Amino acid sequence: MKPSTAAWRTASRSTENGGNCVQLASVGDLISIRDSKDPGGPVVAMKRDDFQRFAEVLKSI
């Protein structure tokens, strides 16, 4: 599945007032991340285990 056809969802901590919005999608065995304000822009993709570690680090900051 290509990121452009993925079912994107907005992170629960994102605001609806045009703030810092991140969207996530499950694409095969990867988690893809993009900026909701630029859906056609760059996408970061990482393996699920790597994403879990990435999220844990962000939560600890």
C-alpha atoms as a PDB file:
ATOM      1  CA  MET A   1       0.000   0.000   0.000  1.00  0.00           C
ATOM      2  CA  LYS A   2       1.265   3.459  -0.864  1.00  0.00           C
ATOM      3  CA  PRO A   3       1.146   6.243   1.747  1.00  0.00           C
ATOM      4  CA  SER A   4      -1.074   8.269  -0.616  1.00  0.00           C
ATOM      5  CA  THR A   5      -3.819   5.608  -0.408  1.00  0.00           C
ATOM      6  CA  ALA A   6      -3.424   4.872   3.296  1.00  0.00           C
ATOM      7  CA  ALA A   7      -6.105   5.581   5.901  1.00  0.00           C
ATOM      8  CA  TRP A   8      -4.522   8.484   7.772  1.00  0.00           C
ATOM      9  CA  ARG A   9      -5.591   9.419  11.290  1.00  0.00           C
ATOM     10  CA  THR A  10      -4.762  12.513  13.254  1.00  0.00           C
ATOM     11  CA  ALA A  11      -2.867  12.142  16.508  1.00  0.00           C
ATOM     12  CA  SER A  12      -5.077  12.597  19.568  1.00  0.00           C
ATOM     13  CA  ARG A  13      -2.867  15.397  20.926  1.00  0.00           C
ATOM     14  CA  SER A  14      -3.130  17.458  17.764  1.00  0.00           C
ATOM     15  CA  THR A  15      -5.302  20.525  17.886  1.00  0.00           C
ATOM     16  CA  GLU A  16      -8.011  21.514  15.456  1.00  0.00           C
ATOM     17  CA  ASN A  17      -6.964  25.176  15.347  1.00  0.00           C
ATOM     18  CA  GLY A  18      -4.213  24.757  12.755  1.00  0.00           C
ATOM     19  CA  GLY A  19      -1.519  23.953  15.272  1.00  0.00           C
ATOM     20  CA  ASN A  20       1.057  21.212  15.130  1.00  0.00           C
ATOM     21  CA  CYS A  21      -0.814  18.336  13.524  1.00  0.00           C
ATOM     22  CA  VAL A  22       0.678  14.921  12.907  1.00  0.00           C
ATOM     23  CA  GLN A  23      -1.065  12.106  11.076  1.00  0.00           C
ATOM     24  CA  LEU A  24      -0.245   8.408  11.229  1.00  0.00           C
ATOM     25  CA  ALA A  25      -1.061   5.515   8.925  1.00  0.00           C
ATOM     26  CA  SER A  26      -0.332   1.821   8.961  1.00  0.00           C
ATOM     27  CA  VAL A  27       1.209   0.920   5.602  1.00  0.00           C
ATOM     28  CA  GLY A  28       2.069  -2.766   5.425  1.00  0.00           C
ATOM     29  CA  ASP A  29       4.584  -3.470   8.196  1.00  0.00           C
ATOM     30  CA  LEU A  30       5.426   0.230   8.538  1.00  0.00           C
ATOM     31  CA  ILE A  31       4.011   3.202  10.396  1.00  0.00           C
ATOM     32  CA  SER A  32       3.985   6.334   8.249  1.00  0.00           C
ATOM     33  CA  ILE A  33       3.988   9.856   9.699  1.00  0.00           C
ATOM     34  CA  ARG A  34       3.140  13.118   7.915  1.00  0.00           C
ATOM     35  CA  ASP A  35       2.216  16.740   8.573  1.00  0.00           C
ATOM     36  CA  SER A  36      -1.561  17.169   8.165  1.00  0.00           C
ATOM     37  CA  LYS A  37      -1.033  20.687   6.821  1.00  0.00           C
ATOM     38  CA  ASP A  38       1.007  19.238   3.922  1.00  0.00           C
ATOM     39  CA  PRO A  39      -0.605  15.885   3.015  1.00  0.00           C
ATOM     40  CA  GLY A  40       1.247  15.730  -0.294  1.00  0.00           C
ATOM     41  CA  GLY A  41       4.569  16.491   1.353  1.00  0.00           C
ATOM     42  CA  PRO A  42       7.223  14.197   2.760  1.00  0.00           C
ATOM     43  CA  VAL A  43       6.338  11.076   4.720  1.00  0.00           C
ATOM     44  CA  VAL A  44       8.517   9.418   7.355  1.00  0.00           C
ATOM     45  CA  ALA A  45       8.077   5.649   7.553  1.00  0.00           C
ATOM     46  CA  MET A  46       9.530   3.277  10.112  1.00  0.00           C
ATOM     47  CA  LYS A  47       9.068  -0.274  11.303  1.00  0.00           C
ATOM     48  CA  ARG A  48       6.509  -0.753  14.066  1.00  0.00           C
ATOM     49  CA  ASP A  49       9.137  -1.610  16.696  1.00  0.00           C
ATOM     50  CA  ASP A  50      11.153   1.482  15.797  1.00  0.00           C
ATOM     51  CA  PHE A  51       8.022   3.629  15.926  1.00  0.00           C
ATOM     52  CA  GLN A  52       7.163   2.276  19.367  1.00  0.00           C
ATOM     53  CA  ARG A  53      10.628   3.238  20.660  1.00  0.00           C
ATOM     54  CA  PHE A  54      10.338   6.631  18.934  1.00  0.00           C
ATOM     55  CA  ALA A  55       6.962   7.288  20.613  1.00  0.00           C
ATOM     56  CA  GLU A  56       8.327   6.234  24.022  1.00  0.00           C
ATOM     57  CA  VAL A  57      11.189   8.717  23.689  1.00  0.00           C
ATOM     58  CA  LEU A  58       8.788  11.518  22.698  1.00  0.00           C
ATOM     59  CA  LYS A  59       6.534  10.762  25.667  1.00  0.00           C
ATOM     60  CA  SER A  60       9.519  10.994  28.020  1.00  0.00           C
ATOM     61  CA  ILE A  61      10.472  14.497  26.882  1.00  0.00           C
END
